[in-house]
PDB file of N, CA and C in Angstrom:
ATOM      1  N   UNK A   1      26.651   4.061  20.779  1.00  0.00           N
ATOM      2  CA  UNK A   1      25.315   3.490  20.701  1.00  0.00           C
ATOM      3  C   UNK A   1      24.536   4.215  19.602  1.00  0.00           C
ATOM      4  N   UNK A   2      23.785   3.458  18.825  1.00  0.00           N
ATOM      5  CA  UNK A   2      22.979   4.006  17.741  1.00  0.00           C
ATOM      6  C   UNK A   2      21.557   3.479  17.858  1.00  0.00           C
ATOM      7  N   UNK A   3      20.588   4.376  17.751  1.00  0.00           N
ATOM      8  CA  UNK A   3      19.173   3.998  17.730  1.00  0.00           C
ATOM      9  C   UNK A   3      18.660   4.238  16.317  1.00  0.00           C
ATOM     10  N   UNK A   4      18.142   3.181  15.706  1.00  0.00           N
ATOM     11  CA  UNK A   4      17.622   3.283  14.345  1.00  0.00           C
ATOM     12  C   UNK A   4      16.120   3.109  14.305  1.00  0.00           C
ATOM     13  N   UNK A   5      15.472   3.819  13.396  1.00  0.00           N
ATOM     14  CA  UNK A   5      14.037   3.714  13.192  1.00  0.00           C
ATOM     15  C   UNK A   5      13.792   3.432  11.715  1.00  0.00           C
ATOM     16  N   UNK A   6      13.113   2.331  11.441  1.00  0.00           N
ATOM     17  CA  UNK A   6      12.789   1.940  10.079  1.00  0.00           C
ATOM     18  C   UNK A   6      11.275   1.964   9.924  1.00  0.00           C
ATOM     19  N   UNK A   7      10.783   2.765   8.996  1.00  0.00           N
ATOM     20  CA  UNK A   7       9.356   2.859   8.706  1.00  0.00           C
ATOM     21  C   UNK A   7       9.100   2.095   7.410  1.00  0.00           C
ATOM     22  N   UNK A   8       8.185   1.129   7.467  1.00  0.00           N
ATOM     23  CA  UNK A   8       7.871   0.290   6.316  1.00  0.00           C
ATOM     24  C   UNK A   8       6.403   0.492   5.949  1.00  0.00           C
ATOM     25  N   UNK A   9       6.144   0.891   4.718  1.00  0.00           N
ATOM     26  CA  UNK A   9       4.788   0.961   4.176  1.00  0.00           C
ATOM     27  C   UNK A   9       4.613  -0.280   3.311  1.00  0.00           C
ATOM     28  N   UNK A  10       3.609  -1.093   3.593  1.00  0.00           N
ATOM     29  CA  UNK A  10       3.524  -2.388   2.907  1.00  0.00           C
ATOM     30  C   UNK A  10       2.090  -2.853   2.690  1.00  0.00           C
ATOM     31  N   UNK A  11       1.966  -3.794   1.767  1.00  0.00           N
ATOM     32  CA  UNK A  11       0.752  -4.575   1.579  1.00  0.00           C
ATOM     33  C   UNK A  11       0.989  -5.899   2.284  1.00  0.00           C
ATOM     34  N   UNK A  12      -0.005  -6.352   3.046  1.00  0.00           N
ATOM     35  CA  UNK A  12       0.247  -7.531   3.858  1.00  0.00           C
ATOM     36  C   UNK A  12      -0.890  -8.542   3.777  1.00  0.00           C
ATOM     37  N   UNK A  13      -0.490  -9.758   3.499  1.00  0.00           N
ATOM     38  CA  UNK A  13      -1.415 -10.881   3.534  1.00  0.00           C
ATOM     39  C   UNK A  13      -2.386 -10.922   2.381  1.00  0.00           C
ATOM     40  N   UNK A  14      -3.064 -12.049   2.295  1.00  0.00           N
ATOM     41  CA  UNK A  14      -4.109 -12.253   1.298  1.00  0.00           C
ATOM     42  C   UNK A  14      -5.483 -12.322   1.951  1.00  0.00           C
ATOM     43  N   UNK A  15      -5.580 -11.839   3.148  1.00  0.00           N
ATOM     44  CA  UNK A  15      -6.823 -11.940   3.910  1.00  0.00           C
ATOM     45  C   UNK A  15      -7.952 -11.114   3.335  1.00  0.00           C
ATOM     46  N   UNK A  16      -9.134 -11.423   3.785  1.00  0.00           N
ATOM     47  CA  UNK A  16     -10.340 -10.734   3.334  1.00  0.00           C
ATOM     48  C   UNK A  16     -11.017  -9.954   4.450  1.00  0.00           C
ATOM     49  N   UNK A  17     -10.318  -9.807   5.581  1.00  0.00           N
ATOM     50  CA  UNK A  17     -10.927  -9.084   6.705  1.00  0.00           C
ATOM     51  C   UNK A  17      -9.828  -8.517   7.602  1.00  0.00           C
ATOM     52  N   UNK A  18     -10.224  -7.642   8.507  1.00  0.00           N
ATOM     53  CA  UNK A  18      -9.279  -7.110   9.477  1.00  0.00           C
ATOM     54  C   UNK A  18      -8.772  -8.201  10.413  1.00  0.00           C
ATOM     55  N   UNK A  19      -9.607  -9.190  10.677  1.00  0.00           N
ATOM     56  CA  UNK A  19      -9.192 -10.313  11.519  1.00  0.00           C
ATOM     57  C   UNK A  19      -8.064 -11.098  10.846  1.00  0.00           C
ATOM     58  N   UNK A  20      -8.147 -11.323   9.542  1.00  0.00           N
ATOM     59  CA  UNK A  20      -7.085 -11.997   8.802  1.00  0.00           C
ATOM     60  C   UNK A  20      -5.799 -11.169   8.812  1.00  0.00           C
ATOM     61  N   UNK A  21      -5.943  -9.855   8.640  1.00  0.00           N
ATOM     62  CA  UNK A  21      -4.781  -8.978   8.671  1.00  0.00           C
ATOM     63  C   UNK A  21      -4.124  -9.023  10.037  1.00  0.00           C
ATOM     64  N   UNK A  22      -4.912  -8.963  11.090  1.00  0.00           N
ATOM     65  CA  UNK A  22      -4.376  -8.983  12.455  1.00  0.00           C
ATOM     66  C   UNK A  22      -3.607 -10.280  12.709  1.00  0.00           C
ATOM     67  N   UNK A  23      -4.132 -11.397  12.236  1.00  0.00           N
ATOM     68  CA  UNK A  23      -3.451 -12.681  12.389  1.00  0.00           C
ATOM     69  C   UNK A  23      -2.101 -12.650  11.664  1.00  0.00           C
ATOM     70  N   UNK A  24      -2.083 -12.120  10.450  1.00  0.00           N
ATOM     71  CA  UNK A  24      -0.862 -12.003   9.663  1.00  0.00           C
ATOM     72  C   UNK A  24       0.162 -11.099  10.362  1.00  0.00           C
ATOM     73  N   UNK A  25      -0.292  -9.928  10.816  1.00  0.00           N
ATOM     74  CA  UNK A  25       0.588  -8.958  11.478  1.00  0.00           C
ATOM     75  C   UNK A  25       1.174  -9.545  12.762  1.00  0.00           C
ATOM     76  N   UNK A  26       0.349 -10.207  13.563  1.00  0.00           N
ATOM     77  CA  UNK A  26       0.842 -10.797  14.807  1.00  0.00           C
ATOM     78  C   UNK A  26       1.898 -11.861  14.544  1.00  0.00           C
ATOM     79  N   UNK A  27       1.691 -12.661  13.517  1.00  0.00           N
ATOM     80  CA  UNK A  27       2.677 -13.674  13.142  1.00  0.00           C
ATOM     81  C   UNK A  27       3.982 -13.016  12.686  1.00  0.00           C
ATOM     82  N   UNK A  28       3.877 -11.988  11.858  1.00  0.00           N
ATOM     83  CA  UNK A  28       5.047 -11.256  11.391  1.00  0.00           C
ATOM     84  C   UNK A  28       5.808 -10.639  12.560  1.00  0.00           C
ATOM     85  N   UNK A  29       5.094  -9.989  13.472  1.00  0.00           N
ATOM     86  CA  UNK A  29       5.728  -9.354  14.625  1.00  0.00           C
ATOM     87  C   UNK A  29       6.479 -10.374  15.467  1.00  0.00           C
ATOM     88  N   UNK A  30       5.887 -11.518  15.713  1.00  0.00           N
ATOM     89  CA  UNK A  30       6.532 -12.560  16.523  1.00  0.00           C
ATOM     90  C   UNK A  30       7.824 -13.028  15.855  1.00  0.00           C
ATOM     91  N   UNK A  31       7.787 -13.253  14.533  1.00  0.00           N
ATOM     92  CA  UNK A  31       8.987 -13.691  13.815  1.00  0.00           C
ATOM     93  C   UNK A  31      10.082 -12.626  13.856  1.00  0.00           C
ATOM     94  N   UNK A  32       9.712 -11.358  13.649  1.00  0.00           N
ATOM     95  CA  UNK A  32      10.707 -10.286  13.657  1.00  0.00           C
ATOM     96  C   UNK A  32      11.328 -10.109  15.039  1.00  0.00           C
ATOM     97  N   UNK A  33      10.521 -10.148  16.074  1.00  0.00           N
ATOM     98  CA  UNK A  33      11.041  -9.987  17.438  1.00  0.00           C
ATOM     99  C   UNK A  33      11.990 -11.120  17.799  1.00  0.00           C
ATOM    100  N   UNK A  34      11.636 -12.328  17.408  1.00  0.00           N
ATOM    101  CA  UNK A  34      12.484 -13.493  17.701  1.00  0.00           C
ATOM    102  C   UNK A  34      13.787 -13.430  16.912  1.00  0.00           C
ATOM    103  N   UNK A  35      13.708 -13.072  15.643  1.00  0.00           N
ATOM    104  CA  UNK A  35      14.866 -13.073  14.758  1.00  0.00           C
ATOM    105  C   UNK A  35      15.817 -11.905  15.013  1.00  0.00           C
ATOM    106  N   UNK A  36      15.277 -10.709  15.293  1.00  0.00           N
ATOM    107  CA  UNK A  36      16.094  -9.505  15.346  1.00  0.00           C
ATOM    108  C   UNK A  36      16.118  -8.790  16.692  1.00  0.00           C
ATOM    109  N   UNK A  37      15.312  -9.192  17.646  1.00  0.00           N
ATOM    110  CA  UNK A  37      15.260  -8.535  18.959  1.00  0.00           C
ATOM    111  C   UNK A  37      15.013  -7.032  18.805  1.00  0.00           C
ATOM    112  N   UNK A  38      13.881  -6.689  18.201  1.00  0.00           N
ATOM    113  CA  UNK A  38      13.528  -5.312  17.893  1.00  0.00           C
ATOM    114  C   UNK A  38      12.193  -4.959  18.554  1.00  0.00           C
ATOM    115  N   UNK A  39      11.866  -3.696  18.526  1.00  0.00           N
ATOM    116  CA  UNK A  39      10.533  -3.242  18.919  1.00  0.00           C
ATOM    117  C   UNK A  39       9.789  -2.857  17.650  1.00  0.00           C
ATOM    118  N   UNK A  40       8.519  -3.230  17.572  1.00  0.00           N
ATOM    119  CA  UNK A  40       7.758  -2.997  16.343  1.00  0.00           C
ATOM    120  C   UNK A  40       6.318  -2.651  16.679  1.00  0.00           C
ATOM    121  N   UNK A  41       5.715  -1.821  15.835  1.00  0.00           N
ATOM    122  CA  UNK A  41       4.319  -1.465  16.026  1.00  0.00           C
ATOM    123  C   UNK A  41       3.699  -1.065  14.697  1.00  0.00           C
ATOM    124  N   UNK A  42       2.409  -1.313  14.572  1.00  0.00           N
ATOM    125  CA  UNK A  42       1.662  -0.867  13.397  1.00  0.00           C
ATOM    126  C   UNK A  42       1.217   0.560  13.683  1.00  0.00           C
ATOM    127  N   UNK A  43       1.720   1.507  12.899  1.00  0.00           N
ATOM    128  CA  UNK A  43       1.476   2.908  13.223  1.00  0.00           C
ATOM    129  C   UNK A  43       0.404   3.577  12.364  1.00  0.00           C
ATOM    130  N   UNK A  44      -0.032   2.919  11.298  1.00  0.00           N
ATOM    131  CA  UNK A  44      -1.037   3.539  10.446  1.00  0.00           C
ATOM    132  C   UNK A  44      -1.771   2.458   9.661  1.00  0.00           C
ATOM    133  N   UNK A  45      -2.902   2.822   9.107  1.00  0.00           N
ATOM    134  CA  UNK A  45      -3.749   1.952   8.279  1.00  0.00           C
ATOM    135  C   UNK A  45      -4.347   0.775   9.064  1.00  0.00           C
ATOM    136  N   UNK A  46      -4.601   0.961  10.353  1.00  0.00           N
ATOM    137  CA  UNK A  46      -5.200  -0.111  11.142  1.00  0.00           C
ATOM    138  C   UNK A  46      -6.590  -0.494  10.659  1.00  0.00           C
ATOM    139  N   UNK A  47      -7.267   0.414   9.969  1.00  0.00           N
ATOM    140  CA  UNK A  47      -8.632   0.142   9.517  1.00  0.00           C
ATOM    141  C   UNK A  47      -8.696  -0.416   8.088  1.00  0.00           C
ATOM    142  N   UNK A  48      -7.536  -0.578   7.435  1.00  0.00           N
ATOM    143  CA  UNK A  48      -7.488  -1.174   6.096  1.00  0.00           C
ATOM    144  C   UNK A  48      -7.046  -2.626   6.211  1.00  0.00           C
ATOM    145  N   UNK A  49      -7.640  -3.523   5.460  1.00  0.00           N
ATOM    146  CA  UNK A  49      -7.366  -4.940   5.655  1.00  0.00           C
ATOM    147  C   UNK A  49      -6.242  -5.495   4.798  1.00  0.00           C
ATOM    148  N   UNK A  50      -5.619  -4.668   3.926  1.00  0.00           N
ATOM    149  CA  UNK A  50      -4.485  -5.160   3.151  1.00  0.00           C
ATOM    150  C   UNK A  50      -3.252  -4.268   3.221  1.00  0.00           C
ATOM    151  N   UNK A  51      -3.334  -3.168   3.899  1.00  0.00           N
ATOM    152  CA  UNK A  51      -2.209  -2.239   3.943  1.00  0.00           C
ATOM    153  C   UNK A  51      -1.813  -1.974   5.385  1.00  0.00           C
ATOM    154  N   UNK A  52      -0.518  -1.688   5.577  1.00  0.00           N
ATOM    155  CA  UNK A  52      -0.022  -1.417   6.914  1.00  0.00           C
ATOM    156  C   UNK A  52       1.202  -0.515   6.840  1.00  0.00           C
ATOM    157  N   UNK A  53       1.412   0.254   7.877  1.00  0.00           N
ATOM    158  CA  UNK A  53       2.645   1.027   8.028  1.00  0.00           C
ATOM    159  C   UNK A  53       3.247   0.616   9.362  1.00  0.00           C
ATOM    160  N   UNK A  54       4.472   0.090   9.298  1.00  0.00           N
ATOM    161  CA  UNK A  54       5.133  -0.457  10.474  1.00  0.00           C
ATOM    162  C   UNK A  54       6.281   0.441  10.898  1.00  0.00           C
ATOM    163  N   UNK A  55       6.455   0.594  12.200  1.00  0.00           N
ATOM    164  CA  UNK A  55       7.609   1.294  12.762  1.00  0.00           C
ATOM    165  C   UNK A  55       8.446   0.260  13.509  1.00  0.00           C
ATOM    166  N   UNK A  56       9.714   0.144  13.115  1.00  0.00           N
ATOM    167  CA  UNK A  56      10.623  -0.817  13.721  1.00  0.00           C
ATOM    168  C   UNK A  56      11.785  -0.032  14.326  1.00  0.00           C
ATOM    169  N   UNK A  57      12.034  -0.260  15.609  1.00  0.00           N
ATOM    170  CA  UNK A  57      13.095   0.450  16.314  1.00  0.00           C
ATOM    171  C   UNK A  57      14.113  -0.564  16.829  1.00  0.00           C
ATOM    172  N   UNK A  58      15.400  -0.216  16.699  1.00  0.00           N
ATOM    173  CA  UNK A  58      16.457  -1.113  17.163  1.00  0.00           C
ATOM    174  C   UNK A  58      17.656  -0.303  17.638  1.00  0.00           C
ATOM    175  N   UNK A  59      18.444  -0.919  18.516  1.00  0.00           N
ATOM    176  CA  UNK A  59      19.620  -0.283  19.106  1.00  0.00           C
ATOM    177  C   UNK A  59      20.837  -1.144  18.784  1.00  0.00           C
ATOM    178  N   UNK A  60      21.917  -0.488  18.346  1.00  0.00           N
ATOM    179  CA  UNK A  60      23.166  -1.177  18.059  1.00  0.00           C
ATOM    180  C   UNK A  60      24.330  -0.406  18.673  1.00  0.00           C
ATOM    181  N   UNK A  61      25.494  -1.061  18.699  1.00  0.00           N
ATOM    182  CA  UNK A  61      26.685  -0.431  19.267  1.00  0.00           C
ATOM    183  C   UNK A  61      27.307   0.614  18.354  1.00  0.00           C
ATOM    184  N   UNK A  62      27.107   0.473  17.049  1.00  0.00           N
ATOM    185  CA  UNK A  62      27.724   1.405  16.105  1.00  0.00           C
ATOM    186  C   UNK A  62      26.779   1.692  14.947  1.00  0.00           C
ATOM    187  N   UNK A  63      27.104   2.723  14.190  1.00  0.00           N
ATOM    188  CA  UNK A  63      26.301   3.075  13.030  1.00  0.00           C
ATOM    189  C   UNK A  63      26.374   1.969  11.974  1.00  0.00           C
ATOM    190  N   UNK A  64      27.537   1.352  11.807  1.00  0.00           N
ATOM    191  CA  UNK A  64      27.695   0.265  10.837  1.00  0.00           C
ATOM    192  C   UNK A  64      26.794  -0.919  11.195  1.00  0.00           C
ATOM    193  N   UNK A  65      26.745  -1.256  12.483  1.00  0.00           N
ATOM    194  CA  UNK A  65      25.887  -2.361  12.930  1.00  0.00           C
ATOM    195  C   UNK A  65      24.415  -2.025  12.721  1.00  0.00           C
ATOM    196  N   UNK A  66      24.066  -0.766  12.924  1.00  0.00           N
ATOM    197  CA  UNK A  66      22.685  -0.335  12.719  1.00  0.00           C
ATOM    198  C   UNK A  66      22.295  -0.443  11.244  1.00  0.00           C
ATOM    199  N   UNK A  67      23.184  -0.034  10.356  1.00  0.00           N
ATOM    200  CA  UNK A  67      22.910  -0.140   8.922  1.00  0.00           C
ATOM    201  C   UNK A  67      22.818  -1.605   8.484  1.00  0.00           C
ATOM    202  N   UNK A  68      23.618  -2.464   9.090  1.00  0.00           N
ATOM    203  CA  UNK A  68      23.552  -3.889   8.779  1.00  0.00           C
ATOM    204  C   UNK A  68      22.223  -4.480   9.248  1.00  0.00           C
ATOM    205  N   UNK A  69      21.769  -4.081  10.443  1.00  0.00           N
ATOM    206  CA  UNK A  69      20.472  -4.533  10.943  1.00  0.00           C
ATOM    207  C   UNK A  69      19.357  -4.087  10.011  1.00  0.00           C
ATOM    208  N   UNK A  70      19.412  -2.826   9.561  1.00  0.00           N
ATOM    209  CA  UNK A  70      18.410  -2.309   8.619  1.00  0.00           C
ATOM    210  C   UNK A  70      18.402  -3.133   7.341  1.00  0.00           C
ATOM    211  N   UNK A  71      19.566  -3.404   6.808  1.00  0.00           N
ATOM    212  CA  UNK A  71      19.676  -4.188   5.591  1.00  0.00           C
ATOM    213  C   UNK A  71      19.121  -5.603   5.778  1.00  0.00           C
ATOM    214  N   UNK A  72      19.458  -6.232   6.888  1.00  0.00           N
ATOM    215  CA  UNK A  72      18.961  -7.586   7.172  1.00  0.00           C
ATOM    216  C   UNK A  72      17.448  -7.605   7.365  1.00  0.00           C
ATOM    217  N   UNK A  73      16.909  -6.583   8.008  1.00  0.00           N
ATOM    218  CA  UNK A  73      15.455  -6.483   8.178  1.00  0.00           C
ATOM    219  C   UNK A  73      14.758  -6.356   6.830  1.00  0.00           C
ATOM    220  N   UNK A  74      15.284  -5.500   5.964  1.00  0.00           N
ATOM    221  CA  UNK A  74      14.672  -5.318   4.647  1.00  0.00           C
ATOM    222  C   UNK A  74      14.732  -6.602   3.817  1.00  0.00           C
ATOM    223  N   UNK A  75      15.861  -7.311   3.874  1.00  0.00           N
ATOM    224  CA  UNK A  75      15.966  -8.592   3.160  1.00  0.00           C
ATOM    225  C   UNK A  75      14.949  -9.591   3.684  1.00  0.00           C
ATOM    226  N   UNK A  76      14.820  -9.658   5.010  1.00  0.00           N
ATOM    227  CA  UNK A  76      13.863 -10.575   5.621  1.00  0.00           C
ATOM    228  C   UNK A  76      12.444 -10.241   5.169  1.00  0.00           C
ATOM    229  N   UNK A  77      12.086  -8.969   5.208  1.00  0.00           N
ATOM    230  CA  UNK A  77      10.735  -8.555   4.842  1.00  0.00           C
ATOM    231  C   UNK A  77      10.463  -8.738   3.349  1.00  0.00           C
ATOM    232  N   UNK A  78      11.463  -8.511   2.508  1.00  0.00           N
ATOM    233  CA  UNK A  78      11.279  -8.707   1.069  1.00  0.00           C
ATOM    234  C   UNK A  78      10.998 -10.170   0.732  1.00  0.00           C
ATOM    235  N   UNK A  79      11.526 -11.079   1.535  1.00  0.00           N
ATOM    236  CA  UNK A  79      11.344 -12.510   1.298  1.00  0.00           C
ATOM    237  C   UNK A  79      10.210 -13.109   2.116  1.00  0.00           C
ATOM    238  N   UNK A  80       9.543 -12.305   2.937  1.00  0.00           N
ATOM    239  CA  UNK A  80       8.461 -12.815   3.775  1.00  0.00           C
ATOM    240  C   UNK A  80       7.231 -13.080   2.890  1.00  0.00           C
ATOM    241  N   UNK A  81       6.618 -14.256   3.028  1.00  0.00           N
ATOM    242  CA  UNK A  81       5.468 -14.597   2.176  1.00  0.00           C
ATOM    243  C   UNK A  81       4.301 -13.618   2.333  1.00  0.00           C
ATOM    244  N   UNK A  82       3.706 -13.244   1.212  1.00  0.00           N
ATOM    245  CA  UNK A  82       2.508 -12.395   1.160  1.00  0.00           C
ATOM    246  C   UNK A  82       2.728 -10.989   1.711  1.00  0.00           C
ATOM    247  N   UNK A  83       3.967 -10.496   1.688  1.00  0.00           N
ATOM    248  CA  UNK A  83       4.267  -9.138   2.126  1.00  0.00           C
ATOM    249  C   UNK A  83       4.957  -8.411   0.981  1.00  0.00           C
ATOM    250  N   UNK A  84       4.428  -7.236   0.626  1.00  0.00           N
ATOM    251  CA  UNK A  84       5.017  -6.417  -0.426  1.00  0.00           C
ATOM    252  C   UNK A  84       5.376  -5.059   0.151  1.00  0.00           C
ATOM    253  N   UNK A  85       6.649  -4.716   0.100  1.00  0.00           N
ATOM    254  CA  UNK A  85       7.100  -3.411   0.599  1.00  0.00           C
ATOM    255  C   UNK A  85       6.828  -2.360  -0.469  1.00  0.00           C
ATOM    256  N   UNK A  86       6.049  -1.343  -0.112  1.00  0.00           N
ATOM    257  CA  UNK A  86       5.758  -0.239  -1.025  1.00  0.00           C
ATOM    258  C   UNK A  86       6.791   0.878  -0.898  1.00  0.00           C
ATOM    259  N   UNK A  87       7.235   1.124   0.333  1.00  0.00           N
ATOM    260  CA  UNK A  87       8.186   2.197   0.596  1.00  0.00           C
ATOM    261  C   UNK A  87       8.830   1.931   1.953  1.00  0.00           C
ATOM    262  N   UNK A  88      10.028   2.444   2.139  1.00  0.00           N
ATOM    263  CA  UNK A  88      10.666   2.385   3.446  1.00  0.00           C
ATOM    264  C   UNK A  88      11.508   3.640   3.672  1.00  0.00           C
ATOM    265  N   UNK A  89      11.630   4.006   4.936  1.00  0.00           N
ATOM    266  CA  UNK A  89      12.431   5.162   5.330  1.00  0.00           C
ATOM    267  C   UNK A  89      13.222   4.765   6.552  1.00  0.00           C
ATOM    268  N   UNK A  90      14.470   5.198   6.604  1.00  0.00           N
ATOM    269  CA  UNK A  90      15.339   4.912   7.753  1.00  0.00           C
ATOM    270  C   UNK A  90      15.805   6.214   8.363  1.00  0.00           C
ATOM    271  N   UNK A  91      15.804   6.273   9.705  1.00  0.00           N
ATOM    272  CA  UNK A  91      16.312   7.440  10.415  1.00  0.00           C
ATOM    273  C   UNK A  91      17.220   6.968  11.541  1.00  0.00           C
ATOM    274  N   UNK A  92      18.345   7.609  11.665  1.00  0.00           N
ATOM    275  CA  UNK A  92      19.210   7.396  12.823  1.00  0.00           C
ATOM    276  C   UNK A  92      18.765   8.402  13.879  1.00  0.00           C
ATOM    277  N   UNK A  93      18.219   7.910  14.979  1.00  0.00           N
ATOM    278  CA  UNK A  93      17.653   8.794  15.992  1.00  0.00           C
ATOM    279  C   UNK A  93      18.693   9.286  16.992  1.00  0.00           C
ATOM    280  N   UNK A  94      19.706   8.469  17.238  1.00  0.00           N
ATOM    281  CA  UNK A  94      20.727   8.845  18.226  1.00  0.00           C
ATOM    282  C   UNK A  94      22.053   8.262  17.830  1.00  0.00           C
TER     283      UNK A  94
END
């Protein structure tokens, strides 16, 4: 069993308020949970309306499967409309 943690620093949405950002983030979270069966949370920049830091946690049977999940998540996020990845970090927790 492998537990992976992916930290994503990103610019999100074209909104002009925190309410617009929240709508964008909630939509993104719903799509990611449905597509990848992961746990996700906004861990920083809650008070900024265009920036976010996301923590995504997932469990796989092997390290190879965990790396594949990480790769698929990054591809999905890179192609997600109005989302720009500034930085990402991956950690194998277990």
